[in-house]
Amino acid sequence: MEKTINIPQSVQEKCPYLTIRDFAKQYSTWTESSIRWLIYNNTAGFNETVVRRVGKSKILLSVTDFWKWVEMQNNNPQQQTKSNRKTSENIS
């Protein structure tokens, strides 16, 4: 059963997509490096949930889906552990 996640209205009213740099400026808790790390490692399905690619090089983040993804990680810590284990196995 999928849990409904309420996104604050202030977040929904802003631009629904931001570049990595703009996201890091707007939400100073997250650095550009930490977001790029999530994308590179595709932690717990981050790319499928949050990342929107435009053309070959433009990467946009869905603000609403980002916060939903954060809540999913908070509600399901096992999923993140399994994903990280899978990533490290692929590197070895």
N, C-alpha and C. Protein backbone atom coordinates (compact mmCIF):
# COMPACT_ATOMS: atom_id res chain seq x y z
N MET A 1 0.84 -1.17 0.00
CA MET A 1 0.00 0.00 0.00
C MET A 1 0.89 1.24 0.00
N GLU A 2 0.72 2.09 -0.97
CA GLU A 2 1.54 3.28 -1.10
C GLU A 2 1.00 4.37 -0.18
N LYS A 3 1.91 4.95 0.60
CA LYS A 3 1.54 6.00 1.54
C LYS A 3 1.46 7.33 0.79
N THR A 4 0.43 8.10 1.09
CA THR A 4 0.29 9.42 0.51
C THR A 4 1.19 10.38 1.27
N ILE A 5 1.99 11.11 0.52
CA ILE A 5 2.93 12.05 1.12
C ILE A 5 2.48 13.46 0.78
N ASN A 6 2.32 14.27 1.80
CA ASN A 6 1.90 15.66 1.60
C ASN A 6 3.12 16.54 1.41
N ILE A 7 3.15 17.24 0.29
CA ILE A 7 4.22 18.17 -0.02
C ILE A 7 3.74 19.56 0.36
N PRO A 8 4.55 20.32 1.11
CA PRO A 8 4.12 21.67 1.48
C PRO A 8 3.75 22.50 0.26
N GLN A 9 2.70 23.31 0.40
CA GLN A 9 2.21 24.13 -0.70
C GLN A 9 3.30 25.07 -1.22
N SER A 10 4.14 25.57 -0.32
CA SER A 10 5.21 26.49 -0.75
C SER A 10 6.16 25.83 -1.73
N VAL A 11 6.40 24.52 -1.56
CA VAL A 11 7.27 23.78 -2.48
C VAL A 11 6.56 23.57 -3.82
N GLN A 12 5.28 23.24 -3.77
CA GLN A 12 4.54 22.96 -5.00
C GLN A 12 4.37 24.21 -5.86
N GLU A 13 4.29 25.39 -5.23
CA GLU A 13 4.07 26.62 -5.98
C GLU A 13 5.31 27.08 -6.72
N LYS A 14 6.48 26.67 -6.27
CA LYS A 14 7.72 27.06 -6.94
C LYS A 14 7.90 26.24 -8.20
N CYS A 15 8.92 26.56 -8.95
CA CYS A 15 9.21 25.83 -10.18
C CYS A 15 9.30 24.33 -9.89
N PRO A 16 8.61 23.50 -10.66
CA PRO A 16 8.61 22.07 -10.36
C PRO A 16 9.94 21.37 -10.67
N TYR A 17 10.78 21.98 -11.48
CA TYR A 17 12.06 21.39 -11.83
C TYR A 17 13.18 22.41 -11.62
N LEU A 18 14.30 21.93 -11.07
CA LEU A 18 15.45 22.79 -10.86
C LEU A 18 16.71 22.07 -11.32
N THR A 19 17.69 22.84 -11.76
CA THR A 19 18.99 22.24 -12.05
C THR A 19 19.63 21.85 -10.72
N ILE A 20 20.68 21.05 -10.78
CA ILE A 20 21.37 20.64 -9.56
C ILE A 20 21.88 21.87 -8.81
N ARG A 21 22.47 22.80 -9.51
CA ARG A 21 23.02 24.00 -8.89
C ARG A 21 21.92 24.82 -8.22
N ASP A 22 20.81 25.03 -8.92
CA ASP A 22 19.71 25.82 -8.36
C ASP A 22 19.08 25.11 -7.16
N PHE A 23 18.97 23.80 -7.24
CA PHE A 23 18.41 23.04 -6.12
C PHE A 23 19.28 23.22 -4.88
N ALA A 24 20.60 23.11 -5.05
CA ALA A 24 21.53 23.25 -3.93
C ALA A 24 21.49 24.66 -3.35
N LYS A 25 21.27 25.66 -4.19
CA LYS A 25 21.16 27.04 -3.69
C LYS A 25 19.87 27.23 -2.90
N GLN A 26 18.78 26.68 -3.42
CA GLN A 26 17.47 26.87 -2.78
C GLN A 26 17.35 26.05 -1.50
N TYR A 27 17.92 24.85 -1.48
CA TYR A 27 17.83 23.97 -0.32
C TYR A 27 19.26 23.70 0.15
N SER A 28 19.77 24.58 0.99
CA SER A 28 21.18 24.54 1.37
C SER A 28 21.58 23.29 2.17
N THR A 29 20.62 22.51 2.60
CA THR A 29 20.92 21.26 3.28
C THR A 29 21.64 20.30 2.33
N TRP A 30 21.34 20.42 1.05
CA TRP A 30 21.90 19.54 0.03
C TRP A 30 22.95 20.28 -0.77
N THR A 31 24.12 19.69 -0.91
CA THR A 31 25.17 20.29 -1.73
C THR A 31 25.08 19.73 -3.15
N GLU A 32 25.70 20.42 -4.08
CA GLU A 32 25.75 19.90 -5.45
C GLU A 32 26.42 18.53 -5.47
N SER A 33 27.49 18.39 -4.70
CA SER A 33 28.22 17.12 -4.67
C SER A 33 27.36 15.98 -4.14
N SER A 34 26.56 16.24 -3.11
CA SER A 34 25.73 15.17 -2.56
C SER A 34 24.66 14.74 -3.55
N ILE A 35 24.11 15.69 -4.27
CA ILE A 35 23.09 15.35 -5.27
C ILE A 35 23.72 14.59 -6.44
N ARG A 36 24.89 15.04 -6.88
CA ARG A 36 25.58 14.33 -7.97
C ARG A 36 25.94 12.90 -7.54
N TRP A 37 26.29 12.73 -6.27
CA TRP A 37 26.60 11.40 -5.76
C TRP A 37 25.36 10.51 -5.84
N LEU A 38 24.20 11.04 -5.45
CA LEU A 38 22.95 10.27 -5.53
C LEU A 38 22.66 9.87 -6.97
N ILE A 39 22.89 10.78 -7.90
CA ILE A 39 22.65 10.49 -9.32
C ILE A 39 23.63 9.43 -9.82
N TYR A 40 24.91 9.62 -9.53
CA TYR A 40 25.94 8.69 -10.01
C TYR A 40 25.71 7.28 -9.48
N ASN A 41 25.35 7.18 -8.21
CA ASN A 41 25.15 5.87 -7.58
C ASN A 41 23.72 5.36 -7.69
N ASN A 42 22.82 6.20 -8.19
CA ASN A 42 21.40 5.86 -8.32
C ASN A 42 20.88 5.20 -7.04
N THR A 43 21.15 5.84 -5.93
CA THR A 43 20.77 5.33 -4.62
C THR A 43 19.27 5.16 -4.51
N ALA A 44 18.84 3.94 -4.24
CA ALA A 44 17.43 3.60 -3.99
C ALA A 44 16.49 4.14 -5.07
N GLY A 45 16.91 4.02 -6.33
CA GLY A 45 16.05 4.43 -7.44
C GLY A 45 15.92 5.93 -7.58
N PHE A 46 16.93 6.67 -7.13
CA PHE A 46 16.89 8.14 -7.18
C PHE A 46 16.66 8.64 -8.60
N ASN A 47 17.39 8.10 -9.57
CA ASN A 47 17.28 8.58 -10.95
C ASN A 47 15.90 8.39 -11.54
N GLU A 48 15.32 7.21 -11.31
CA GLU A 48 14.00 6.93 -11.87
C GLU A 48 12.93 7.81 -11.24
N THR A 49 13.10 8.15 -9.97
CA THR A 49 12.09 8.90 -9.23
C THR A 49 12.23 10.41 -9.41
N VAL A 50 13.44 10.93 -9.38
CA VAL A 50 13.67 12.37 -9.25
C VAL A 50 14.25 13.02 -10.50
N VAL A 51 15.14 12.35 -11.19
CA VAL A 51 15.92 12.97 -12.28
C VAL A 51 15.14 12.99 -13.58
N ARG A 52 15.20 14.14 -14.25
CA ARG A 52 14.63 14.28 -15.59
C ARG A 52 15.76 14.75 -16.48
N ARG A 53 16.05 14.00 -17.52
CA ARG A 53 17.12 14.37 -18.44
C ARG A 53 16.51 15.03 -19.68
N VAL A 54 17.11 16.15 -20.05
CA VAL A 54 16.66 16.89 -21.22
C VAL A 54 17.85 16.95 -22.17
N GLY A 55 17.71 16.32 -23.31
CA GLY A 55 18.83 16.26 -24.25
C GLY A 55 19.93 15.36 -23.70
N LYS A 56 21.16 15.62 -24.13
CA LYS A 56 22.27 14.77 -23.72
C LYS A 56 22.88 15.17 -22.38
N SER A 57 22.83 16.46 -22.05
CA SER A 57 23.59 16.88 -20.88
C SER A 57 22.79 17.62 -19.80
N LYS A 58 21.57 18.04 -20.07
CA LYS A 58 20.81 18.80 -19.09
C LYS A 58 20.12 17.86 -18.12
N ILE A 59 20.37 18.07 -16.84
CA ILE A 59 19.74 17.27 -15.78
C ILE A 59 18.89 18.20 -14.92
N LEU A 60 17.63 17.86 -14.79
CA LEU A 60 16.72 18.60 -13.93
C LEU A 60 16.23 17.67 -12.82
N LEU A 61 15.94 18.26 -11.67
CA LEU A 61 15.41 17.50 -10.55
C LEU A 61 13.97 17.92 -10.32
N SER A 62 13.10 16.95 -10.17
CA SER A 62 11.72 17.23 -9.81
C SER A 62 11.69 17.51 -8.32
N VAL A 63 11.35 18.74 -7.95
CA VAL A 63 11.37 19.13 -6.54
C VAL A 63 10.38 18.29 -5.73
N THR A 64 9.18 18.15 -6.22
CA THR A 64 8.16 17.38 -5.51
C THR A 64 8.60 15.93 -5.35
N ASP A 65 9.09 15.33 -6.43
CA ASP A 65 9.51 13.93 -6.36
C ASP A 65 10.74 13.75 -5.47
N PHE A 66 11.59 14.77 -5.40
CA PHE A 66 12.76 14.70 -4.52
C PHE A 66 12.32 14.53 -3.07
N TRP A 67 11.38 15.36 -2.65
CA TRP A 67 10.93 15.28 -1.24
C TRP A 67 10.15 14.00 -0.99
N LYS A 68 9.43 13.51 -1.98
CA LYS A 68 8.77 12.21 -1.84
C LYS A 68 9.81 11.11 -1.67
N TRP A 69 10.90 11.19 -2.46
CA TRP A 69 11.97 10.21 -2.38
C TRP A 69 12.61 10.23 -0.99
N VAL A 70 12.84 11.43 -0.46
CA VAL A 70 13.41 11.56 0.89
C VAL A 70 12.50 10.88 1.91
N GLU A 71 11.21 11.13 1.81
CA GLU A 71 10.25 10.50 2.75
C GLU A 71 10.24 8.98 2.59
N MET A 72 10.36 8.50 1.36
CA MET A 72 10.41 7.04 1.14
C MET A 72 11.62 6.45 1.83
N GLN A 73 12.76 7.15 1.78
CA GLN A 73 13.97 6.65 2.44
C GLN A 73 13.80 6.65 3.95
N ASN A 74 13.11 7.64 4.44
CA ASN A 74 12.86 7.73 5.87
C ASN A 74 11.93 6.62 6.34
N ASN A 75 10.95 6.26 5.51
CA ASN A 75 9.98 5.23 5.85
C ASN A 75 10.45 3.83 5.55
N ASN A 76 11.47 3.70 4.69
CA ASN A 76 11.91 2.38 4.24
C ASN A 76 13.44 2.31 4.19
N PRO A 77 14.12 2.34 5.33
CA PRO A 77 15.59 2.36 5.32
C PRO A 77 16.20 1.09 4.72
N GLN A 78 15.51 -0.03 4.73
CA GLN A 78 16.03 -1.28 4.16
C GLN A 78 16.26 -1.14 2.67
N GLN A 79 15.39 -0.42 1.97
CA GLN A 79 15.53 -0.25 0.52
C GLN A 79 16.85 0.43 0.19
N GLN A 80 17.23 1.44 0.97
CA GLN A 80 18.48 2.15 0.71
C GLN A 80 19.67 1.23 0.93
N THR A 81 19.64 0.42 1.97
CA THR A 81 20.73 -0.49 2.27
C THR A 81 20.92 -1.49 1.14
N LYS A 82 19.83 -2.07 0.65
CA LYS A 82 19.91 -3.04 -0.44
C LYS A 82 20.47 -2.40 -1.70
N SER A 83 20.04 -1.17 -2.00
CA SER A 83 20.51 -0.50 -3.20
C SER A 83 22.01 -0.21 -3.11
N ASN A 84 22.46 0.24 -1.95
CA ASN A 84 23.88 0.53 -1.78
C ASN A 84 24.70 -0.75 -1.90
N ARG A 85 24.19 -1.86 -1.38
CA ARG A 85 24.90 -3.13 -1.47
C ARG A 85 25.01 -3.55 -2.93
N LYS A 86 23.94 -3.38 -3.69
CA LYS A 86 23.94 -3.76 -5.10
C LYS A 86 24.97 -2.92 -5.88
N THR A 87 25.03 -1.62 -5.58
CA THR A 87 25.97 -0.74 -6.26
C THR A 87 27.41 -1.17 -5.98
N SER A 88 27.72 -1.47 -4.73
CA SER A 88 29.08 -1.86 -4.39
C SER A 88 29.45 -3.21 -5.01
N GLU A 89 28.47 -4.11 -5.17
CA GLU A 89 28.74 -5.39 -5.82
C GLU A 89 29.08 -5.20 -7.29
N ASN A 90 28.41 -4.22 -7.95
CA ASN A 90 28.67 -3.96 -9.36
C ASN A 90 30.07 -3.39 -9.58
N ILE A 91 30.57 -2.66 -8.60
CA ILE A 91 31.89 -2.04 -8.72
C ILE A 91 32.98 -3.09 -8.57
N SER A 92 32.77 -4.06 -7.68
CA SER A 92 33.80 -5.08 -7.39
C SER A 92 34.08 -5.97 -8.57
